[in-house]
N, C-alpha and C. Protein backbone atom coordinates (compact mmCIF):
# COMPACT_ATOMS: atom_id res chain seq x y z
N MET A 1 -15.35 17.67 15.58
CA MET A 1 -14.70 16.45 15.20
C MET A 1 -13.90 15.93 16.50
N GLY A 2 -14.04 14.87 16.94
CA GLY A 2 -13.49 13.96 18.21
C GLY A 2 -12.00 14.07 17.88
N LYS A 3 -11.42 13.45 19.15
CA LYS A 3 -9.89 13.34 19.38
C LYS A 3 -9.43 12.29 18.34
N GLU A 4 -8.36 12.58 17.79
CA GLU A 4 -7.98 11.14 17.11
C GLU A 4 -7.25 10.25 18.02
N ILE A 5 -7.65 9.24 17.45
CA ILE A 5 -7.18 7.83 18.84
C ILE A 5 -5.80 7.61 17.84
N GLU A 6 -6.07 7.15 16.47
CA GLU A 6 -5.04 6.38 15.86
C GLU A 6 -5.14 7.05 14.45
N SER A 7 -3.97 6.68 13.57
CA SER A 7 -4.15 6.70 12.21
C SER A 7 -3.17 6.07 11.72
N TYR A 8 -3.23 5.31 10.59
CA TYR A 8 -2.47 4.72 10.02
C TYR A 8 -2.93 4.18 8.32
N LYS A 9 -1.89 3.71 7.72
CA LYS A 9 -2.34 3.25 6.36
C LYS A 9 -2.70 1.84 6.17
N ILE A 10 -3.21 1.47 5.32
CA ILE A 10 -3.51 -0.05 4.92
C ILE A 10 -3.10 0.17 3.24
N GLY A 11 -1.89 -0.11 2.62
CA GLY A 11 -1.58 0.22 1.07
C GLY A 11 -2.02 1.73 1.02
N LYS A 12 -2.59 1.98 -0.08
CA LYS A 12 -3.08 3.36 -0.61
C LYS A 12 -4.09 3.98 0.63
N ILE A 13 -4.66 3.19 1.30
CA ILE A 13 -5.92 3.75 1.96
C ILE A 13 -5.65 4.36 3.48
N GLU A 14 -5.75 5.33 3.59
CA GLU A 14 -5.60 6.05 4.90
C GLU A 14 -6.75 5.84 6.03
N VAL A 15 -6.41 5.31 7.22
CA VAL A 15 -7.49 5.08 8.29
C VAL A 15 -7.36 5.86 9.26
N GLN A 16 -8.35 6.67 9.74
CA GLN A 16 -7.81 7.60 10.83
C GLN A 16 -9.25 7.11 11.84
N ILE A 17 -8.65 6.97 13.10
CA ILE A 17 -9.93 6.52 14.39
C ILE A 17 -9.87 7.77 15.17
N THR A 18 -11.20 8.19 15.57
CA THR A 18 -11.52 9.44 16.24
C THR A 18 -12.74 9.00 17.20
N GLU A 19 -12.47 9.76 18.57
CA GLU A 19 -13.63 9.86 19.37
C GLU A 19 -14.87 10.57 18.68
N THR A 20 -16.14 9.84 19.35
CA THR A 20 -17.23 10.18 18.88
C THR A 20 -18.08 10.88 20.04
N ASP A 21 -19.79 11.40 19.96
CA ASP A 21 -19.97 11.64 21.19
C ASP A 21 -20.44 10.83 22.24
N ASN A 22 -20.64 9.60 21.19
CA ASN A 22 -20.85 8.19 22.45
C ASN A 22 -19.22 7.92 22.91
N PRO A 23 -19.25 7.67 24.16
CA PRO A 23 -17.99 7.45 24.70
C PRO A 23 -17.41 5.82 24.64
N THR A 24 -18.62 5.16 24.25
CA THR A 24 -18.40 3.60 24.09
C THR A 24 -17.97 3.38 22.25
N ARG A 25 -18.42 4.29 21.46
CA ARG A 25 -17.97 4.35 19.90
C ARG A 25 -17.02 4.98 19.51
N LEU A 26 -16.42 4.26 18.28
CA LEU A 26 -15.16 5.29 17.53
C LEU A 26 -15.45 5.26 16.19
N LYS A 27 -15.20 6.59 15.55
CA LYS A 27 -15.63 6.72 14.23
C LYS A 27 -14.37 6.31 13.46
N VAL A 28 -14.43 5.48 12.38
CA VAL A 28 -13.41 5.14 11.48
C VAL A 28 -13.60 5.50 10.20
N GLU A 29 -12.52 6.30 9.66
CA GLU A 29 -12.84 7.24 8.42
C GLU A 29 -11.90 6.56 7.67
N CYS A 30 -12.30 5.98 6.42
CA CYS A 30 -11.21 5.73 5.28
C CYS A 30 -11.14 6.53 4.12
N ASN A 31 -10.26 6.72 3.46
CA ASN A 31 -9.69 7.55 2.30
C ASN A 31 -8.58 7.00 1.45
N ASP A 32 -9.06 6.81 0.30
CA ASP A 32 -7.70 6.44 -0.71
C ASP A 32 -7.49 7.36 -1.62
N GLY A 33 -7.99 8.15 -1.67
CA GLY A 33 -7.78 9.85 -2.67
C GLY A 33 -8.85 9.51 -3.72
N THR A 34 -9.60 8.78 -3.96
CA THR A 34 -10.88 8.55 -4.77
C THR A 34 -12.14 8.06 -3.99
N TYR A 35 -12.28 6.87 -3.39
CA TYR A 35 -13.21 6.65 -2.32
C TYR A 35 -12.95 7.17 -0.96
N ARG A 36 -14.06 7.23 -0.27
CA ARG A 36 -14.31 7.76 1.20
C ARG A 36 -15.11 6.94 1.89
N SER A 37 -15.02 6.50 3.05
CA SER A 37 -15.82 5.53 3.94
C SER A 37 -15.78 5.98 4.97
N SER A 38 -16.79 5.83 6.17
CA SER A 38 -16.67 5.98 7.57
C SER A 38 -17.95 5.15 8.22
N PHE A 39 -17.60 4.77 9.42
CA PHE A 39 -18.60 4.05 9.95
C PHE A 39 -17.94 3.99 11.61
N THR A 40 -18.83 3.55 12.38
CA THR A 40 -18.58 3.44 13.68
C THR A 40 -18.27 2.19 14.35
N VAL A 41 -17.37 1.77 15.34
CA VAL A 41 -17.06 0.67 15.83
C VAL A 41 -17.17 0.83 17.26
N SER A 42 -17.32 -0.16 18.34
CA SER A 42 -17.06 -0.15 19.56
C SER A 42 -15.71 -0.09 19.99
N GLU A 43 -15.12 0.47 21.08
CA GLU A 43 -13.85 0.31 21.69
C GLU A 43 -13.38 -1.10 21.42
N TYR A 44 -14.10 -2.10 21.99
CA TYR A 44 -13.95 -3.51 22.30
C TYR A 44 -13.52 -4.00 20.88
N GLU A 45 -14.53 -3.67 19.84
CA GLU A 45 -14.35 -4.30 18.29
C GLU A 45 -12.79 -3.63 18.11
N PHE A 46 -12.60 -2.34 18.05
CA PHE A 46 -11.38 -1.77 17.56
C PHE A 46 -9.98 -2.46 18.12
N LYS A 47 -10.33 -2.50 19.54
CA LYS A 47 -9.50 -3.34 20.25
C LYS A 47 -8.90 -4.62 20.00
N HIS A 48 -9.97 -5.65 19.85
CA HIS A 48 -9.68 -6.78 19.65
C HIS A 48 -10.01 -7.49 18.59
N TYR A 49 -10.61 -6.68 17.27
CA TYR A 49 -11.12 -7.35 15.98
C TYR A 49 -10.19 -6.35 14.95
N LYS A 50 -9.29 -5.53 15.19
CA LYS A 50 -8.81 -4.63 14.46
C LYS A 50 -8.23 -5.53 13.08
N ARG A 51 -7.39 -6.31 13.36
CA ARG A 51 -6.92 -7.16 11.76
C ARG A 51 -8.34 -7.60 10.92
N HIS A 52 -9.28 -7.87 11.48
CA HIS A 52 -10.52 -8.15 10.66
C HIS A 52 -11.03 -7.26 10.30
N MET A 53 -11.46 -6.20 10.77
CA MET A 53 -11.97 -4.76 10.63
C MET A 53 -10.77 -4.28 9.16
N ASN A 54 -9.69 -4.32 9.38
CA ASN A 54 -8.63 -4.01 8.16
C ASN A 54 -9.00 -4.42 7.04
N GLN A 55 -9.32 -6.00 7.12
CA GLN A 55 -9.47 -6.84 6.05
C GLN A 55 -10.65 -6.65 5.30
N LYS A 56 -11.51 -6.19 6.14
CA LYS A 56 -12.99 -5.58 5.76
C LYS A 56 -12.84 -4.42 4.69
N ILE A 57 -12.09 -3.27 5.45
CA ILE A 57 -11.84 -1.95 4.82
C ILE A 57 -11.17 -2.31 3.48
N LYS A 58 -9.98 -3.34 3.36
CA LYS A 58 -9.26 -3.56 2.04
C LYS A 58 -10.51 -4.17 1.03
N ASN A 59 -11.15 -5.07 1.71
CA ASN A 59 -12.09 -5.95 0.63
C ASN A 59 -13.14 -4.52 0.06
N ALA A 60 -13.71 -3.84 0.98
CA ALA A 60 -14.44 -2.84 0.33
C ALA A 60 -14.17 -1.93 -0.41
N PHE A 61 -12.86 -1.65 -0.57
CA PHE A 61 -11.99 -0.35 -1.51
C PHE A 61 -11.81 -1.40 -2.75
N LYS A 62 -11.54 -2.52 -2.63
CA LYS A 62 -11.14 -3.35 -3.76
C LYS A 62 -12.34 -3.58 -4.47
N ALA A 63 -13.56 -3.59 -4.04
CA ALA A 63 -14.54 -4.02 -4.71
C ALA A 63 -15.14 -2.73 -5.46
N GLU A 64 -14.78 -1.28 -4.63
CA GLU A 64 -15.06 -0.21 -5.40
C GLU A 64 -14.38 -0.14 -6.97
N TYR A 65 -13.38 -0.84 -6.89
CA TYR A 65 -12.61 -0.79 -8.27
C TYR A 65 -12.94 -1.89 -9.38
N GLU A 66 -13.34 -2.72 -8.75
CA GLU A 66 -13.66 -3.86 -9.59
C GLU A 66 -15.29 -3.69 -10.53
């Protein structure tokens, strides 16, 4: 497992950002206790589009409950 870059919560959703083997990609892991999701993003996306990424995470988890 890569080094943790950042972790935070979006409501009940725990988000953890870690390094990957690829130095230009970061792994985003999301977990709300019931559902779990993970995907990768570029460092640029993480730094410049974090708000958009967080909104997509919220919407994806909301859709799981509908």
